[in-house]
């Protein structure tokens, strides 16, 4: 068995980090909204925006995982390919359920 390839998102690592920092700011904003007793619907709207932003990061990471890690494992074949495909399917299922 060959070594695992580097994380598929390394080419976009700075973009992922930038997005996560923005989401971190959104969560801090949510905390401030609750502390200042902001109207419920306004808080829910911000929660929804934050959730969509996290979903976008998850999809970006999944896309990179499929095109790098899974593709590498499929090229290797055998049990490695089967394991990576099952892992990817489980990740997709988690995203769909969330």
Protein backbone atom coordinates (compact mmCIF):
# COMPACT_ATOMS: atom_id res chain seq x y z
CA UNK A 1 0.00 0.00 0.00
CA UNK A 2 1.31 3.47 -0.89
CA UNK A 3 1.27 6.48 1.41
CA UNK A 4 -1.85 8.61 1.56
CA UNK A 5 -1.80 11.69 -0.63
CA UNK A 6 -1.74 15.09 1.04
CA UNK A 7 -5.12 16.58 1.90
CA UNK A 8 -7.00 17.46 -1.26
CA UNK A 9 -7.84 20.97 -0.09
CA UNK A 10 -4.22 22.11 0.29
CA UNK A 11 -4.44 24.08 -2.96
CA UNK A 12 -7.35 26.02 -1.44
CA UNK A 13 -6.25 25.95 2.19
CA UNK A 14 -6.14 29.75 2.50
CA UNK A 15 -9.64 30.02 1.02
CA UNK A 16 -10.94 27.43 3.48
CA UNK A 17 -9.29 29.23 6.39
CA UNK A 18 -10.67 32.59 5.23
CA UNK A 19 -14.18 31.14 5.05
CA UNK A 20 -13.86 29.55 8.49
CA UNK A 21 -12.65 32.82 10.01
CA UNK A 22 -15.66 34.58 8.50
CA UNK A 23 -17.95 31.92 9.98
CA UNK A 24 -16.22 32.35 13.33
CA UNK A 25 -17.11 36.04 13.13
CA UNK A 26 -20.71 35.15 12.28
CA UNK A 27 -20.90 32.92 15.37
CA UNK A 28 -19.51 35.72 17.53
CA UNK A 29 -22.16 37.98 16.04
CA UNK A 30 -24.81 35.43 17.01
CA UNK A 31 -23.52 35.44 20.57
CA UNK A 32 -23.75 39.24 20.67
CA UNK A 33 -27.28 39.09 19.27
CA UNK A 34 -28.36 36.72 22.04
CA UNK A 35 -26.56 38.77 24.71
CA UNK A 36 -28.34 41.92 23.55
CA UNK A 37 -31.68 40.12 23.26
CA UNK A 38 -32.02 40.67 19.53
CA UNK A 39 -35.39 39.79 18.00
CA UNK A 40 -35.72 36.00 17.59
CA UNK A 41 -36.32 36.05 13.83
CA UNK A 42 -33.19 38.14 13.28
CA UNK A 43 -31.12 35.62 15.25
CA UNK A 44 -32.66 32.72 13.31
CA UNK A 45 -31.85 34.47 10.04
CA UNK A 46 -28.21 34.79 11.10
CA UNK A 47 -28.13 31.14 12.23
CA UNK A 48 -29.40 30.16 8.78
CA UNK A 49 -26.71 32.23 7.05
CA UNK A 50 -24.01 30.68 9.24
CA UNK A 51 -25.32 27.19 8.55
CA UNK A 52 -25.25 27.84 4.79
CA UNK A 53 -21.68 29.11 5.06
CA UNK A 54 -20.61 25.95 6.94
CA UNK A 55 -22.40 23.79 4.35
CA UNK A 56 -20.48 25.57 1.59
CA UNK A 57 -17.16 24.80 3.32
CA UNK A 58 -18.20 21.17 3.79
CA UNK A 59 -19.08 20.85 0.10
CA UNK A 60 -15.78 22.42 -0.94
CA UNK A 61 -13.89 19.95 1.26
CA UNK A 62 -15.97 17.04 -0.01
CA UNK A 63 -15.35 18.03 -3.63
CA UNK A 64 -11.61 18.17 -2.99
CA UNK A 65 -11.70 14.87 -1.09
CA UNK A 66 -13.44 13.13 -3.98
CA UNK A 67 -11.18 14.57 -6.65
CA UNK A 68 -7.95 13.92 -4.75
CA UNK A 69 -8.13 11.36 -1.95
CA UNK A 70 -10.83 9.11 -3.38
CA UNK A 71 -9.44 9.32 -6.92
CA UNK A 72 -6.00 8.35 -5.58
CA UNK A 73 -7.47 5.38 -3.69
CA UNK A 74 -9.51 4.23 -6.70
CA UNK A 75 -6.36 4.31 -8.83
CA UNK A 76 -4.69 2.14 -6.20
CA UNK A 77 -7.68 -0.22 -6.21
CA UNK A 78 -8.60 -3.09 -3.94
CA UNK A 79 -9.47 -2.68 -0.27
CA UNK A 80 -8.07 0.85 -0.19
CA UNK A 81 -10.52 1.96 -2.88
CA UNK A 82 -13.43 0.21 -1.17
CA UNK A 83 -12.61 1.83 2.17
CA UNK A 84 -12.30 5.34 0.68
CA UNK A 85 -15.56 4.98 -1.24
CA UNK A 86 -17.38 3.83 1.93
CA UNK A 87 -15.82 6.72 3.86
CA UNK A 88 -16.95 9.22 1.20
CA UNK A 89 -20.46 7.76 1.14
CA UNK A 90 -20.71 8.07 4.91
CA UNK A 91 -19.54 11.70 4.73
CA UNK A 92 -22.15 12.48 2.07
CA UNK A 93 -24.83 10.83 4.20
CA UNK A 94 -23.83 12.99 7.20
CA UNK A 95 -24.06 16.13 5.07
CA UNK A 96 -27.46 15.17 3.68
CA UNK A 97 -28.82 14.46 7.18
CA UNK A 98 -27.57 17.75 8.61
